[in-house]
Protein backbone atom coordinates (compact mmCIF):
# COMPACT_ATOMS: atom_id res chain seq x y z
CA UNK A 1 76.30 -59.16 -15.61
CA UNK A 2 72.63 -58.21 -15.25
CA UNK A 3 71.31 -55.27 -13.26
CA UNK A 4 70.10 -57.57 -10.48
CA UNK A 5 73.37 -59.50 -10.34
CA UNK A 6 75.30 -56.23 -10.05
CA UNK A 7 73.09 -55.01 -7.21
CA UNK A 8 73.52 -58.33 -5.39
CA UNK A 9 77.31 -58.22 -5.84
CA UNK A 10 77.55 -54.64 -4.51
CA UNK A 11 75.23 -55.49 -1.60
CA UNK A 12 77.32 -58.52 -0.64
CA UNK A 13 80.55 -56.52 -0.94
CA UNK A 14 79.10 -54.30 1.77
CA UNK A 15 78.17 -57.38 3.80
CA UNK A 16 74.59 -56.20 3.85
CA UNK A 17 71.65 -58.56 4.22
CA UNK A 18 68.76 -58.65 1.79
CA UNK A 19 66.22 -57.33 4.29
CA UNK A 20 68.49 -54.55 5.50
CA UNK A 21 69.20 -53.32 1.97
CA UNK A 22 65.56 -53.63 0.91
CA UNK A 23 64.57 -51.43 3.85
CA UNK A 24 67.33 -48.92 3.04
CA UNK A 25 66.10 -48.44 -0.55
CA UNK A 26 62.38 -48.74 0.16
CA UNK A 27 61.43 -52.03 -1.49
CA UNK A 28 60.25 -55.33 -0.09
CA UNK A 29 62.76 -58.11 0.50
CA UNK A 30 60.72 -60.34 -1.83
CA UNK A 31 60.88 -57.75 -4.62
CA UNK A 32 64.64 -57.34 -4.13
CA UNK A 33 65.27 -61.09 -4.04
CA UNK A 34 63.35 -61.66 -7.28
CA UNK A 35 65.04 -58.70 -8.96
CA UNK A 36 68.53 -59.91 -7.98
CA UNK A 37 67.75 -63.38 -9.33
CA UNK A 38 66.27 -62.00 -12.56
CA UNK A 39 62.83 -63.49 -11.93
CA UNK A 40 61.00 -60.28 -11.09
CA UNK A 41 60.61 -56.79 -12.48
CA UNK A 42 63.24 -54.11 -12.25
CA UNK A 43 62.62 -51.14 -9.96
CA UNK A 44 61.52 -47.75 -11.17
CA UNK A 45 63.72 -44.74 -11.75
CA UNK A 46 63.43 -43.33 -8.22
CA UNK A 47 64.45 -46.63 -6.61
CA UNK A 48 67.30 -47.16 -9.06
CA UNK A 49 68.59 -43.66 -8.31
CA UNK A 50 68.34 -44.44 -4.58
CA UNK A 51 70.36 -47.61 -5.11
CA UNK A 52 72.95 -45.65 -7.09
CA UNK A 53 73.26 -43.12 -4.30
CA UNK A 54 73.54 -45.88 -1.69
CA UNK A 55 76.40 -47.53 -3.60
CA UNK A 56 78.05 -44.29 -4.69
CA UNK A 57 77.42 -45.05 -8.36
CA UNK A 58 76.33 -42.84 -11.26
CA UNK A 59 72.51 -43.05 -11.49
CA UNK A 60 72.63 -42.83 -15.30
CA UNK A 61 74.86 -45.90 -15.40
CA UNK A 62 72.47 -47.92 -13.25
CA UNK A 63 69.48 -46.71 -15.26
CA UNK A 64 71.22 -47.78 -18.47
CA UNK A 65 71.98 -51.19 -16.92
CA UNK A 66 68.23 -51.51 -16.34
CA UNK A 67 67.46 -50.42 -19.94
CA UNK A 68 65.98 -47.15 -18.69
CA UNK A 69 66.63 -43.48 -19.36
CA UNK A 70 66.33 -40.74 -16.75
CA UNK A 71 63.03 -38.89 -16.99
CA UNK A 72 64.77 -35.50 -17.18
CA UNK A 73 66.66 -36.70 -20.27
CA UNK A 74 63.39 -37.82 -21.86
CA UNK A 75 61.92 -34.37 -21.20
CA UNK A 76 64.85 -32.74 -22.99
CA UNK A 77 64.46 -35.03 -26.01
CA UNK A 78 60.69 -34.49 -26.11
CA UNK A 79 61.24 -30.74 -26.02
CA UNK A 80 64.04 -30.86 -28.63
CA UNK A 81 63.78 -34.07 -30.71
CA UNK A 82 66.87 -33.02 -32.69
CA UNK A 83 68.95 -33.96 -29.62
CA UNK A 84 68.10 -37.60 -30.26
CA UNK A 85 69.64 -37.23 -33.70
CA UNK A 86 72.75 -35.69 -32.17
CA UNK A 87 73.11 -38.62 -29.80
CA UNK A 88 72.74 -41.09 -32.67
CA UNK A 89 75.25 -39.19 -34.81
CA UNK A 90 77.77 -39.11 -31.97
CA UNK A 91 77.27 -42.73 -30.87
CA UNK A 92 80.64 -43.74 -32.34
CA UNK A 93 82.60 -41.37 -30.10
CA UNK A 94 84.87 -42.81 -27.41
CA UNK A 95 84.46 -41.84 -23.76
CA UNK A 96 87.43 -39.53 -24.10
CA UNK A 97 85.91 -37.79 -27.14
CA UNK A 98 82.58 -37.36 -25.30
CA UNK A 99 84.43 -35.85 -22.37
CA UNK A 100 86.13 -33.35 -24.68
CA UNK A 101 82.87 -32.11 -26.22
CA UNK A 102 80.68 -32.26 -23.11
CA UNK A 103 83.19 -31.48 -20.35
CA UNK A 104 81.60 -34.33 -18.36
CA UNK A 105 83.73 -37.09 -16.84
CA UNK A 106 82.24 -40.44 -17.79
CA UNK A 107 82.51 -43.52 -15.55
């Protein structure tokens, strides 16, 4: 399921109209409609994080669905490029293994 399709599904689960949701997250209804249908651009980080908050979802998960990375994570990697290597080296770990080494519950 695409980012836009997921947003549409969550919006409809809440029985929320396109215009009402667009207003709640600060985008135009036209932008939202195109995004949900996959014919327009995806929103920026701030809007995606607002959508995540609205739906009670993890912002990093929604950013990843949109093929984006949080700007604070990019700052860390730019400051310490070796962290990118760590992430690559640990890419094979399961969610449970990540939780053990990071003490972070993953969705």
